[in-house]
């Protein structure tokens, strides 16, 4: 009897121990500890942040190849670069840089990524895409005026479309007329021939809005009204409303991309040949007329063709960060404009 009671007690004790062990095992499998949860999140976050700096990781590579969205598209929406933007194109730019240092960094970026240099004749195909009128197939939008016209090529008579060097080429004295800065699609815009000729080599600045100062387009002074017209005097050209900020951002791009190669500089007042002004007014226009949908679309279209971008469209703050402190005599006036924005 004692033997049977002893065996019974041993059996019950064994079952209790086994049940406790199984219960602990189930609990650990189904409810990971807080430490394990934090570790997994941390690892995933680290992998996400290094998707585009280390493509050799097999897991990242596999995930990228299976995704219906390209890695660059994913980067644009999910990754913040050191420049403070979500566009990975600027991941090499240090947001703490200012003045000439920032200018040099951007110059390196937009020069090394400028893989295709558009030809002067090739601008016909470029403008058909970059300056197309979204409301009317086969039309493009003329710069400075916003007029929509049919476009099949360039001409020299009034009413035809011409290629406007926003930074004047000065008959090839500033830079090559039909190559390099002279054919860069971020720089040149389609304009009406007469308006192009009237603008000539003039700098940009404020012009009195009088009837006598209206810059004619195809013989007309009524292609727009009021501030939407372009005006000209003996010193300056004044673009129509909506085109002043665009003009400034194009010139900022040209000076950063091509300035070192051709000694292109901004000045206060009116410039000549390799200099252009008025930088104080241009900065005001840049701040008063924010980036438009047209500029964003055009920047993307040319990026697909040339490989580089206009940084002042993507990151408008770069303008003040550079031109208020790049060591030039206009810095204090530009700084005042930027401080008042």
C-alpha atoms as a PDB file:
ATOM      1  CA  UNK A   1       0.000   0.000   0.000  1.00  0.00           C
ATOM      2  CA  UNK A   2       2.741   2.417   0.937  1.00  0.00           C
ATOM      3  CA  UNK A   3       4.498   1.569  -2.335  1.00  0.00           C
ATOM      4  CA  UNK A   4       1.352   2.376  -4.351  1.00  0.00           C
ATOM      5  CA  UNK A   5       0.804   5.702  -2.510  1.00  0.00           C
ATOM      6  CA  UNK A   6       4.431   6.650  -3.133  1.00  0.00           C
ATOM      7  CA  UNK A   7       4.128   5.920  -6.873  1.00  0.00           C
ATOM      8  CA  UNK A   8       0.939   7.952  -7.067  1.00  0.00           C
ATOM      9  CA  UNK A   9       2.569  10.945  -5.422  1.00  0.00           C
ATOM     10  CA  UNK A  10       5.552  10.723  -7.790  1.00  0.00           C
ATOM     11  CA  UNK A  11       3.213  10.632 -10.812  1.00  0.00           C
ATOM     12  CA  UNK A  12       1.286  13.733  -9.686  1.00  0.00           C
ATOM     13  CA  UNK A  13       4.496  15.627  -8.936  1.00  0.00           C
ATOM     14  CA  UNK A  14       5.902  14.766 -12.400  1.00  0.00           C
ATOM     15  CA  UNK A  15       2.717  15.974 -14.146  1.00  0.00           C
ATOM     16  CA  UNK A  16       2.795  19.279 -12.256  1.00  0.00           C
ATOM     17  CA  UNK A  17       6.393  19.975 -13.269  1.00  0.00           C
ATOM     18  CA  UNK A  18       5.716  19.111 -16.937  1.00  0.00           C
ATOM     19  CA  UNK A  19       2.602  21.311 -17.076  1.00  0.00           C
ATOM     20  CA  UNK A  20       4.461  24.343 -15.665  1.00  0.00           C
ATOM     21  CA  UNK A  21       7.309  23.920 -18.170  1.00  0.00           C
ATOM     22  CA  UNK A  22       4.883  23.737 -21.140  1.00  0.00           C
ATOM     23  CA  UNK A  23       2.980  26.782 -19.930  1.00  0.00           C
ATOM     24  CA  UNK A  24       6.143  28.880 -19.736  1.00  0.00           C
ATOM     25  CA  UNK A  25       7.235  27.766 -23.210  1.00  0.00           C
ATOM     26  CA  UNK A  26       3.895  28.806 -24.820  1.00  0.00           C
ATOM     27  CA  UNK A  27       4.006  32.175 -23.114  1.00  0.00           C
ATOM     28  CA  UNK A  28       7.464  33.013 -24.453  1.00  0.00           C
ATOM     29  CA  UNK A  29       6.609  32.016 -28.043  1.00  0.00           C
ATOM     30  CA  UNK A  30       3.373  33.984 -28.337  1.00  0.00           C
ATOM     31  CA  UNK A  31       4.316  37.133 -26.377  1.00  0.00           C
ATOM     32  CA  UNK A  32       7.810  38.407 -27.187  1.00  0.00           C
ATOM     33  CA  UNK A  33       9.416  40.498 -24.514  1.00  0.00           C
ATOM     34  CA  UNK A  34       9.481  44.317 -24.830  1.00  0.00           C
ATOM     35  CA  UNK A  35      13.233  44.157 -25.404  1.00  0.00           C
ATOM     36  CA  UNK A  36      12.766  41.885 -28.433  1.00  0.00           C
ATOM     37  CA  UNK A  37      10.065  44.176 -29.886  1.00  0.00           C
ATOM     38  CA  UNK A  38      12.247  47.264 -29.621  1.00  0.00           C
ATOM     39  CA  UNK A  39      15.184  45.445 -31.179  1.00  0.00           C
ATOM     40  CA  UNK A  40      13.138  44.388 -34.213  1.00  0.00           C
ATOM     41  CA  UNK A  41      11.819  47.908 -34.825  1.00  0.00           C
ATOM     42  CA  UNK A  42      15.297  49.322 -34.488  1.00  0.00           C
ATOM     43  CA  UNK A  43      16.720  46.863 -37.010  1.00  0.00           C
ATOM     44  CA  UNK A  44      13.958  47.558 -39.526  1.00  0.00           C
ATOM     45  CA  UNK A  45      14.455  51.276 -39.166  1.00  0.00           C
ATOM     46  CA  UNK A  46      18.165  50.916 -39.748  1.00  0.00           C
ATOM     47  CA  UNK A  47      17.604  48.887 -42.905  1.00  0.00           C
ATOM     48  CA  UNK A  48      15.131  51.440 -44.237  1.00  0.00           C
ATOM     49  CA  UNK A  49      17.547  54.289 -43.689  1.00  0.00           C
ATOM     50  CA  UNK A  50      20.335  52.539 -45.574  1.00  0.00           C
ATOM     51  CA  UNK A  51      18.362  51.399 -48.621  1.00  0.00           C
ATOM     52  CA  UNK A  52      20.077  53.884 -50.904  1.00  0.00           C
ATOM     53  CA  UNK A  53      23.511  54.093 -49.366  1.00  0.00           C
ATOM     54  CA  UNK A  54      24.213  50.354 -49.358  1.00  0.00           C
ATOM     55  CA  UNK A  55      22.560  48.476 -52.214  1.00  0.00           C
ATOM     56  CA  UNK A  56      24.773  45.422 -51.592  1.00  0.00           C
ATOM     57  CA  UNK A  57      22.448  44.154 -48.839  1.00  0.00           C
ATOM     58  CA  UNK A  58      20.690  41.063 -50.223  1.00  0.00           C
ATOM     59  CA  UNK A  59      17.477  41.636 -48.275  1.00  0.00           C
ATOM     60  CA  UNK A  60      17.183  45.242 -49.434  1.00  0.00           C
ATOM     61  CA  UNK A  61      17.995  44.262 -53.000  1.00  0.00           C
ATOM     62  CA  UNK A  62      15.327  41.539 -53.002  1.00  0.00           C
ATOM     63  CA  UNK A  63      12.693  43.883 -51.591  1.00  0.00           C
ATOM     64  CA  UNK A  64      13.547  46.576 -54.121  1.00  0.00           C
ATOM     65  CA  UNK A  65      13.307  44.216 -57.082  1.00  0.00           C
ATOM     66  CA  UNK A  66       9.872  43.025 -55.994  1.00  0.00           C
ATOM     67  CA  UNK A  67       8.471  46.518 -55.456  1.00  0.00           C
ATOM     68  CA  UNK A  68       6.339  47.984 -58.279  1.00  0.00           C
ATOM     69  CA  UNK A  69       7.778  51.428 -57.392  1.00  0.00           C
ATOM     70  CA  UNK A  70      11.354  52.304 -58.246  1.00  0.00           C
ATOM     71  CA  UNK A  71      13.820  52.836 -55.423  1.00  0.00           C
ATOM     72  CA  UNK A  72      14.162  56.532 -56.315  1.00  0.00           C
ATOM     73  CA  UNK A  73      10.393  57.025 -56.078  1.00  0.00           C
ATOM     74  CA  UNK A  74      10.373  55.332 -52.689  1.00  0.00           C
ATOM     75  CA  UNK A  75      13.241  57.564 -51.567  1.00  0.00           C
ATOM     76  CA  UNK A  76      11.441  60.750 -52.559  1.00  0.00           C
ATOM     77  CA  UNK A  77       8.528  59.987 -50.291  1.00  0.00           C
ATOM     78  CA  UNK A  78      10.231  58.287 -47.377  1.00  0.00           C
ATOM     79  CA  UNK A  79      13.759  59.565 -46.971  1.00  0.00           C
ATOM     80  CA  UNK A  80      14.929  62.912 -45.612  1.00  0.00           C
ATOM     81  CA  UNK A  81      18.420  63.894 -46.726  1.00  0.00           C
ATOM     82  CA  UNK A  82      20.977  66.017 -44.909  1.00  0.00           C
ATOM     83  CA  UNK A  83      19.839  68.959 -47.049  1.00  0.00           C
ATOM     84  CA  UNK A  84      16.510  68.934 -45.237  1.00  0.00           C
ATOM     85  CA  UNK A  85      14.541  67.818 -48.303  1.00  0.00           C
ATOM     86  CA  UNK A  86      12.863  64.488 -49.027  1.00  0.00           C
ATOM     87  CA  UNK A  87      14.434  64.331 -52.491  1.00  0.00           C
ATOM     88  CA  UNK A  88      17.381  61.902 -52.494  1.00  0.00           C
ATOM     89  CA  UNK A  89      18.974  63.907 -55.332  1.00  0.00           C
ATOM     90  CA  UNK A  90      20.209  66.308 -52.621  1.00  0.00           C
ATOM     91  CA  UNK A  91      21.425  63.673 -50.163  1.00  0.00           C
ATOM     92  CA  UNK A  92      25.036  64.852 -50.566  1.00  0.00           C
ATOM     93  CA  UNK A  93      24.211  68.447 -49.611  1.00  0.00           C
ATOM     94  CA  UNK A  94      24.870  69.506 -46.019  1.00  0.00           C
ATOM     95  CA  UNK A  95      22.000  71.668 -44.758  1.00  0.00           C
ATOM     96  CA  UNK A  96      24.405  73.553 -42.501  1.00  0.00           C
ATOM     97  CA  UNK A  97      26.341  74.978 -45.462  1.00  0.00           C
ATOM     98  CA  UNK A  98      25.957  78.586 -46.577  1.00  0.00           C
ATOM     99  CA  UNK A  99      27.376  81.011 -49.104  1.00  0.00           C
ATOM    100  CA  UNK A 100      30.199  79.965 -51.394  1.00  0.00           C
ATOM    101  CA  UNK A 101      30.526  76.570 -49.691  1.00  0.00           C
ATOM    102  CA  UNK A 102      26.928  75.669 -50.446  1.00  0.00           C
ATOM    103  CA  UNK A 103      27.253  77.067 -53.964  1.00  0.00           C
ATOM    104  CA  UNK A 104      30.257  74.829 -54.660  1.00  0.00           C
ATOM    105  CA  UNK A 105      28.473  71.770 -53.305  1.00  0.00           C
ATOM    106  CA  UNK A 106      25.439  72.409 -55.488  1.00  0.00           C
ATOM    107  CA  UNK A 107      27.659  73.152 -58.490  1.00  0.00           C
ATOM    108  CA  UNK A 108      29.367  69.798 -58.091  1.00  0.00           C
ATOM    109  CA  UNK A 109      26.021  68.046 -57.816  1.00  0.00           C
ATOM    110  CA  UNK A 110      24.270  69.622 -60.801  1.00  0.00           C
ATOM    111  CA  UNK A 111      27.415  69.373 -62.949  1.00  0.00           C
ATOM    112  CA  UNK A 112      28.244  65.718 -62.272  1.00  0.00           C
ATOM    113  CA  UNK A 113      24.618  64.693 -62.814  1.00  0.00           C
ATOM    114  CA  UNK A 114      24.349  66.716 -66.035  1.00  0.00           C
ATOM    115  CA  UNK A 115      24.795  63.585 -68.152  1.00  0.00           C
ATOM    116  CA  UNK A 116      23.193  64.801 -71.390  1.00  0.00           C
ATOM    117  CA  UNK A 117      23.895  68.264 -72.792  1.00  0.00           C
ATOM    118  CA  UNK A 118      20.976  69.267 -74.987  1.00  0.00           C
ATOM    119  CA  UNK A 119      21.857  70.714 -78.376  1.00  0.00           C
ATOM    120  CA  UNK A 120      20.586  74.067 -79.610  1.00  0.00           C
ATOM    121  CA  UNK A 121      18.536  72.411 -82.355  1.00  0.00           C
ATOM    122  CA  UNK A 122      17.424  69.698 -79.937  1.00  0.00           C
ATOM    123  CA  UNK A 123      15.580  72.293 -77.850  1.00  0.00           C
ATOM    124  CA  UNK A 124      12.727  71.899 -80.325  1.00  0.00           C
ATOM    125  CA  UNK A 125      12.003  68.433 -78.950  1.00  0.00           C
ATOM    126  CA  UNK A 126      12.665  69.550 -75.380  1.00  0.00           C
ATOM    127  CA  UNK A 127      10.287  72.534 -75.479  1.00  0.00           C
ATOM    128  CA  UNK A 128       7.558  70.343 -76.953  1.00  0.00           C
ATOM    129  CA  UNK A 129       7.625  68.452 -73.653  1.00  0.00           C
ATOM    130  CA  UNK A 130       8.914  70.873 -71.043  1.00  0.00           C
ATOM    131  CA  UNK A 131       6.851  73.903 -72.113  1.00  0.00           C
ATOM    132  CA  UNK A 132       3.769  72.163 -73.463  1.00  0.00           C
ATOM    133  CA  UNK A 133       0.387  73.764 -72.788  1.00  0.00           C
ATOM    134  CA  UNK A 134      -1.446  71.145 -70.694  1.00  0.00           C
ATOM    135  CA  UNK A 135      -4.782  72.570 -71.846  1.00  0.00           C
ATOM    136  CA  UNK A 136      -4.092  72.410 -75.580  1.00  0.00           C
ATOM    137  CA  UNK A 137      -2.299  69.621 -77.389  1.00  0.00           C
ATOM    138  CA  UNK A 138       0.397  70.779 -79.818  1.00  0.00           C
ATOM    139  CA  UNK A 139       0.775  74.154 -78.103  1.00  0.00           C
ATOM    140  CA  UNK A 140       3.556  75.534 -75.938  1.00  0.00           C
ATOM    141  CA  UNK A 141       3.591  78.491 -73.528  1.00  0.00           C
ATOM    142  CA  UNK A 142       5.758  81.475 -74.399  1.00  0.00           C
ATOM    143  CA  UNK A 143       7.968  82.694 -71.567  1.00  0.00           C
ATOM    144  CA  UNK A 144       7.530  86.240 -70.171  1.00  0.00           C
ATOM    145  CA  UNK A 145       3.948  86.490 -71.481  1.00  0.00           C
ATOM    146  CA  UNK A 146       2.195  83.158 -70.922  1.00  0.00           C
ATOM    147  CA  UNK A 147       0.741  83.125 -74.445  1.00  0.00           C
ATOM    148  CA  UNK A 148      -0.229  79.672 -75.755  1.00  0.00           C
ATOM    149  CA  UNK A 149       0.757  79.042 -79.389  1.00  0.00           C
ATOM    150  CA  UNK A 150       1.035  76.202 -81.873  1.00  0.00           C
ATOM    151  CA  UNK A 151       4.601  74.964 -82.042  1.00  0.00           C
ATOM    152  CA  UNK A 152       6.394  73.042 -84.740  1.00  0.00           C
ATOM    153  CA  UNK A 153       9.797  74.740 -84.731  1.00  0.00           C
ATOM    154  CA  UNK A 154      11.709  78.004 -84.519  1.00  0.00           C
ATOM    155  CA  UNK A 155      11.562  81.086 -86.735  1.00  0.00           C
ATOM    156  CA  UNK A 156      13.026  84.561 -87.037  1.00  0.00           C
ATOM    157  CA  UNK A 157       9.996  86.646 -87.982  1.00  0.00           C
ATOM    158  CA  UNK A 158       7.590  88.352 -85.584  1.00  0.00           C
ATOM    159  CA  UNK A 159       5.095  85.855 -84.201  1.00  0.00           C
ATOM    160  CA  UNK A 160       7.510  82.931 -84.459  1.00  0.00           C
ATOM    161  CA  UNK A 161       8.996  81.062 -81.508  1.00  0.00           C
ATOM    162  CA  UNK A 162      12.592  81.846 -80.567  1.00  0.00           C
ATOM    163  CA  UNK A 163      15.032  80.479 -77.986  1.00  0.00           C
ATOM    164  CA  UNK A 164      15.539  82.952 -75.168  1.00  0.00           C
ATOM    165  CA  UNK A 165      18.827  82.986 -73.273  1.00  0.00           C
ATOM    166  CA  UNK A 166      17.500  84.266 -69.937  1.00  0.00           C
ATOM    167  CA  UNK A 167      21.108  85.073 -69.027  1.00  0.00           C
ATOM    168  CA  UNK A 168      22.077  87.004 -72.190  1.00  0.00           C
ATOM    169  CA  UNK A 169      24.706  85.331 -74.334  1.00  0.00           C
ATOM    170  CA  UNK A 170      25.950  88.763 -75.493  1.00  0.00           C
ATOM    171  CA  UNK A 171      26.609  87.402 -78.991  1.00  0.00           C
ATOM    172  CA  UNK A 172      28.724  84.614 -77.563  1.00  0.00           C
ATOM    173  CA  UNK A 173      30.860  86.866 -75.376  1.00  0.00           C
ATOM    174  CA  UNK A 174      29.291  85.643 -72.130  1.00  0.00           C
ATOM    175  CA  UNK A 175      29.354  81.926 -73.041  1.00  0.00           C
ATOM    176  CA  UNK A 176      28.942  79.800 -76.205  1.00  0.00           C
ATOM    177  CA  UNK A 177      25.723  80.871 -77.930  1.00  0.00           C
ATOM    178  CA  UNK A 178      24.570  77.400 -78.974  1.00  0.00           C
ATOM    179  CA  UNK A 179      26.230  74.947 -76.586  1.00  0.00           C
ATOM    180  CA  UNK A 180      27.064  74.497 -72.905  1.00  0.00           C
ATOM    181  CA  UNK A 181      25.290  77.329 -71.038  1.00  0.00           C
ATOM    182  CA  UNK A 182      23.938  78.430 -74.428  1.00  0.00           C
ATOM    183  CA  UNK A 183      21.825  75.314 -74.914  1.00  0.00           C
ATOM    184  CA  UNK A 184      21.122  74.132 -71.363  1.00  0.00           C
ATOM    185  CA  UNK A 185      17.392  73.349 -71.231  1.00  0.00           C
ATOM    186  CA  UNK A 186      17.110  74.556 -67.624  1.00  0.00           C
ATOM    187  CA  UNK A 187      18.335  77.924 -68.906  1.00  0.00           C
ATOM    188  CA  UNK A 188      16.691  78.563 -72.283  1.00  0.00           C
ATOM    189  CA  UNK A 189      12.962  79.187 -72.663  1.00  0.00           C
ATOM    190  CA  UNK A 190      10.706  79.603 -75.726  1.00  0.00           C
ATOM    191  CA  UNK A 191       9.629  83.196 -76.387  1.00  0.00           C
ATOM    192  CA  UNK A 192       8.084  85.212 -79.186  1.00  0.00           C
ATOM    193  CA  UNK A 193      10.727  86.572 -81.546  1.00  0.00           C
ATOM    194  CA  UNK A 194       9.960  90.290 -81.214  1.00  0.00           C
ATOM    195  CA  UNK A 195       9.697  90.162 -77.428  1.00  0.00           C
ATOM    196  CA  UNK A 196      12.968  88.234 -77.384  1.00  0.00           C
ATOM    197  CA  UNK A 197      14.628  90.917 -79.500  1.00  0.00           C
ATOM    198  CA  UNK A 198      13.257  93.783 -77.383  1.00  0.00           C
ATOM    199  CA  UNK A 199      14.592  92.184 -74.234  1.00  0.00           C
ATOM    200  CA  UNK A 200      18.003  91.890 -75.910  1.00  0.00           C
ATOM    201  CA  UNK A 201      20.905  91.873 -73.430  1.00  0.00           C
ATOM    202  CA  UNK A 202      19.184  93.940 -70.760  1.00  0.00           C
ATOM    203  CA  UNK A 203      19.349  93.067 -67.083  1.00  0.00           C
ATOM    204  CA  UNK A 204      16.188  92.594 -65.059  1.00  0.00           C
ATOM    205  CA  UNK A 205      14.702  95.276 -62.853  1.00  0.00           C
ATOM    206  CA  UNK A 206      11.707  97.471 -62.103  1.00  0.00           C
ATOM    207  CA  UNK A 207      10.325  99.472 -65.035  1.00  0.00           C
ATOM    208  CA  UNK A 208       7.578 102.096 -64.928  1.00  0.00           C
ATOM    209  CA  UNK A 209       4.368 100.590 -66.228  1.00  0.00           C
ATOM    210  CA  UNK A 210       3.480 103.165 -68.851  1.00  0.00           C
ATOM    211  CA  UNK A 211       2.034 102.623 -72.311  1.00  0.00           C
ATOM    212  CA  UNK A 212       5.313 103.695 -73.900  1.00  0.00           C
ATOM    213  CA  UNK A 213       7.246 101.102 -71.917  1.00  0.00           C
ATOM    214  CA  UNK A 214       5.162  98.067 -72.909  1.00  0.00           C
ATOM    215  CA  UNK A 215       7.398  95.496 -74.607  1.00  0.00           C
ATOM    216  CA  UNK A 216       5.611  94.467 -77.785  1.00  0.00           C
ATOM    217  CA  UNK A 217       4.912  90.842 -78.581  1.00  0.00           C
ATOM    218  CA  UNK A 218       4.244  90.161 -82.259  1.00  0.00           C
ATOM    219  CA  UNK A 219       3.461  93.838 -82.771  1.00  0.00           C
ATOM    220  CA  UNK A 220       0.892  93.932 -79.985  1.00  0.00           C
ATOM    221  CA  UNK A 221       0.732  95.779 -76.677  1.00  0.00           C
ATOM    222  CA  UNK A 222      -2.503  94.050 -75.657  1.00  0.00           C
ATOM    223  CA  UNK A 223      -1.351  90.418 -75.415  1.00  0.00           C
ATOM    224  CA  UNK A 224      -2.009  90.828 -71.684  1.00  0.00           C
ATOM    225  CA  UNK A 225      -3.024  93.636 -69.338  1.00  0.00           C
ATOM    226  CA  UNK A 226      -1.527  95.587 -66.459  1.00  0.00           C
ATOM    227  CA  UNK A 227       1.144  93.752 -64.482  1.00  0.00           C
ATOM    228  CA  UNK A 228       0.824  90.708 -66.758  1.00  0.00           C
ATOM    229  CA  UNK A 229       2.476  92.647 -69.574  1.00  0.00           C
ATOM    230  CA  UNK A 230       6.248  92.855 -69.965  1.00  0.00           C
ATOM    231  CA  UNK A 231       7.852  96.302 -69.787  1.00  0.00           C
ATOM    232  CA  UNK A 232      11.174  97.686 -70.942  1.00  0.00           C
ATOM    233  CA  UNK A 233      13.198 100.890 -70.659  1.00  0.00           C
ATOM    234  CA  UNK A 234      16.745 101.894 -71.527  1.00  0.00           C
ATOM    235  CA  UNK A 235      18.220  99.829 -68.685  1.00  0.00           C
ATOM    236  CA  UNK A 236      15.946  97.001 -67.576  1.00  0.00           C
ATOM    237  CA  UNK A 237      13.494  94.395 -68.778  1.00  0.00           C
ATOM    238  CA  UNK A 238      10.510  93.654 -66.535  1.00  0.00           C
ATOM    239  CA  UNK A 239       8.795  90.261 -67.116  1.00  0.00           C
ATOM    240  CA  UNK A 240       5.057  89.796 -66.849  1.00  0.00           C
ATOM    241  CA  UNK A 241       3.497  88.731 -63.555  1.00  0.00           C
ATOM    242  CA  UNK A 242       4.157  85.083 -62.794  1.00  0.00           C
ATOM    243  CA  UNK A 243       7.426  85.067 -64.745  1.00  0.00           C
ATOM    244  CA  UNK A 244       9.550  87.224 -62.464  1.00  0.00           C
ATOM    245  CA  UNK A 245      10.165  84.529 -59.852  1.00  0.00           C
ATOM    246  CA  UNK A 246      10.798  81.996 -62.606  1.00  0.00           C
ATOM    247  CA  UNK A 247      13.345  84.351 -64.175  1.00  0.00           C
ATOM    248  CA  UNK A 248      15.236  84.697 -60.888  1.00  0.00           C
ATOM    249  CA  UNK A 249      15.385  80.938 -60.308  1.00  0.00           C
ATOM    250  CA  UNK A 250      16.670  80.321 -63.838  1.00  0.00           C
ATOM    251  CA  UNK A 251      19.431  82.880 -63.339  1.00  0.00           C
ATOM    252  CA  UNK A 252      20.386  81.395 -59.959  1.00  0.00           C
ATOM    253  CA  UNK A 253      20.710  78.018 -61.671  1.00  0.00           C
ATOM    254  CA  UNK A 254      22.855  79.408 -64.497  1.00  0.00           C
ATOM    255  CA  UNK A 255      25.197  81.182 -62.092  1.00  0.00           C
ATOM    256  CA  UNK A 256      25.703  78.059 -59.976  1.00  0.00           C
ATOM    257  CA  UNK A 257      25.951  75.592 -62.876  1.00  0.00           C
ATOM    258  CA  UNK A 258      28.027  77.669 -65.307  1.00  0.00           C
ATOM    259  CA  UNK A 259      29.336  80.631 -63.298  1.00  0.00           C
ATOM    260  CA  UNK A 260      32.756  79.202 -62.513  1.00  0.00           C
ATOM    261  CA  UNK A 261      33.358  78.118 -66.114  1.00  0.00           C
ATOM    262  CA  UNK A 262      32.501  81.488 -67.661  1.00  0.00           C
ATOM    263  CA  UNK A 263      32.921  83.932 -64.754  1.00  0.00           C
ATOM    264  CA  UNK A 264      29.218  84.768 -64.610  1.00  0.00           C
ATOM    265  CA  UNK A 265      28.317  86.979 -61.641  1.00  0.00           C
ATOM    266  CA  UNK A 266      25.408  88.882 -60.164  1.00  0.00           C
ATOM    267  CA  UNK A 267      25.620  92.614 -59.471  1.00  0.00           C
ATOM    268  CA  UNK A 268      23.565  95.364 -57.921  1.00  0.00           C
ATOM    269  CA  UNK A 269      22.030  97.487 -60.659  1.00  0.00           C
ATOM    270  CA  UNK A 270      22.529  96.672 -64.321  1.00  0.00           C
ATOM    271  CA  UNK A 271      25.174  94.232 -65.488  1.00  0.00           C
ATOM    272  CA  UNK A 272      27.074  93.845 -68.747  1.00  0.00           C
ATOM    273  CA  UNK A 273      28.160  90.772 -70.731  1.00  0.00           C
ATOM    274  CA  UNK A 274      29.192  88.347 -67.952  1.00  0.00           C
ATOM    275  CA  UNK A 275      27.382  90.153 -65.140  1.00  0.00           C
ATOM    276  CA  UNK A 276      23.651  90.564 -64.617  1.00  0.00           C
ATOM    277  CA  UNK A 277      21.406  92.399 -62.193  1.00  0.00           C
ATOM    278  CA  UNK A 278      19.654  93.578 -60.317  1.00  0.00           C
ATOM    279  CA  UNK A 279      20.331  90.835 -57.745  1.00  0.00           C
ATOM    280  CA  UNK A 280      18.383  92.645 -55.013  1.00  0.00           C
ATOM    281  CA  UNK A 281      15.288  92.850 -57.240  1.00  0.00           C
ATOM    282  CA  UNK A 282      15.710  89.286 -58.458  1.00  0.00           C
ATOM    283  CA  UNK A 283      15.725  88.020 -54.884  1.00  0.00           C
ATOM    284  CA  UNK A 284      12.542  89.977 -54.157  1.00  0.00           C
ATOM    285  CA  UNK A 285      10.877  88.403 -57.172  1.00  0.00           C
ATOM    286  CA  UNK A 286      12.053  84.961 -56.105  1.00  0.00           C
ATOM    287  CA  UNK A 287      10.415  85.388 -52.695  1.00  0.00           C
ATOM    288  CA  UNK A 288       7.301  87.204 -53.898  1.00  0.00           C
ATOM    289  CA  UNK A 289       6.463  84.695 -56.639  1.00  0.00           C
ATOM    290  CA  UNK A 290       6.837  81.174 -55.213  1.00  0.00           C
ATOM    291  CA  UNK A 291       7.606  78.121 -57.325  1.00  0.00           C
ATOM    292  CA  UNK A 292       4.738  77.349 -59.684  1.00  0.00           C
ATOM    293  CA  UNK A 293       3.335  74.040 -60.881  1.00  0.00           C
ATOM    294  CA  UNK A 294       4.705  74.898 -64.315  1.00  0.00           C
ATOM    295  CA  UNK A 295       8.248  75.093 -62.922  1.00  0.00           C
ATOM    296  CA  UNK A 296       7.876  71.832 -61.020  1.00  0.00           C
ATOM    297  CA  UNK A 297       6.638  70.050 -64.147  1.00  0.00           C
ATOM    298  CA  UNK A 298       9.389  71.565 -66.285  1.00  0.00           C
ATOM    299  CA  UNK A 299      12.099  70.689 -63.770  1.00  0.00           C
ATOM    300  CA  UNK A 300      11.001  67.052 -63.806  1.00  0.00           C
ATOM    301  CA  UNK A 301      10.791  66.935 -67.604  1.00  0.00           C
ATOM    302  CA  UNK A 302      14.316  68.294 -68.047  1.00  0.00           C
ATOM    303  CA  UNK A 303      15.665  66.108 -65.229  1.00  0.00           C
ATOM    304  CA  UNK A 304      14.560  63.090 -67.276  1.00  0.00           C
ATOM    305  CA  UNK A 305      16.381  64.459 -70.324  1.00  0.00           C
ATOM    306  CA  UNK A 306      19.588  65.992 -68.888  1.00  0.00           C
ATOM    307  CA  UNK A 307      19.947  64.153 -65.585  1.00  0.00           C
ATOM    308  CA  UNK A 308      20.307  67.278 -63.428  1.00  0.00           C
ATOM    309  CA  UNK A 309      17.842  69.552 -61.661  1.00  0.00           C
ATOM    310  CA  UNK A 310      17.339  73.225 -60.817  1.00  0.00           C
ATOM    311  CA  UNK A 311      17.970  73.317 -57.046  1.00  0.00           C
ATOM    312  CA  UNK A 312      16.197  76.652 -56.596  1.00  0.00           C
ATOM    313  CA  UNK A 313      12.938  75.117 -57.745  1.00  0.00           C
ATOM    314  CA  UNK A 314      13.296  72.092 -55.470  1.00  0.00           C
ATOM    315  CA  UNK A 315      14.685  73.975 -52.464  1.00  0.00           C
ATOM    316  CA  UNK A 316      13.899  77.723 -52.766  1.00  0.00           C
ATOM    317  CA  UNK A 317      15.727  78.463 -49.490  1.00  0.00           C
ATOM    318  CA  UNK A 318      19.049  77.778 -51.209  1.00  0.00           C
ATOM    319  CA  UNK A 319      18.833  81.209 -52.875  1.00  0.00           C
ATOM    320  CA  UNK A 320      19.017  83.225 -49.662  1.00  0.00           C
ATOM    321  CA  UNK A 321      21.481  80.809 -48.089  1.00  0.00           C
ATOM    322  CA  UNK A 322      23.899  81.409 -50.965  1.00  0.00           C
ATOM    323  CA  UNK A 323      23.429  84.978 -52.151  1.00  0.00           C
ATOM    324  CA  UNK A 324      23.079  86.605 -48.747  1.00  0.00           C
ATOM    325  CA  UNK A 325      26.522  85.343 -47.706  1.00  0.00           C
ATOM    326  CA  UNK A 326      28.746  84.393 -50.643  1.00  0.00           C
ATOM    327  CA  UNK A 327      31.294  87.146 -50.023  1.00  0.00           C
ATOM    328  CA  UNK A 328      30.019  89.591 -52.657  1.00  0.00           C
ATOM    329  CA  UNK A 329      29.259  93.301 -52.210  1.00  0.00           C
ATOM    330  CA  UNK A 330      25.522  92.737 -52.631  1.00  0.00           C
ATOM    331  CA  UNK A 331      25.288  90.464 -49.564  1.00  0.00           C
ATOM    332  CA  UNK A 332      23.901  93.006 -47.098  1.00  0.00           C
ATOM    333  CA  UNK A 333      21.103  94.166 -49.412  1.00  0.00           C
ATOM    334  CA  UNK A 334      20.161  90.610 -50.337  1.00  0.00           C
ATOM    335  CA  UNK A 335      20.283  89.663 -46.655  1.00  0.00           C
ATOM    336  CA  UNK A 336      17.808  92.451 -45.869  1.00  0.00           C
ATOM    337  CA  UNK A 337      15.456  91.166 -48.576  1.00  0.00           C
ATOM    338  CA  UNK A 338      15.681  87.633 -47.199  1.00  0.00           C
ATOM    339  CA  UNK A 339      15.154  88.794 -43.611  1.00  0.00           C
ATOM    340  CA  UNK A 340      11.984  90.635 -44.616  1.00  0.00           C
ATOM    341  CA  UNK A 341      10.336  87.654 -46.292  1.00  0.00           C
END
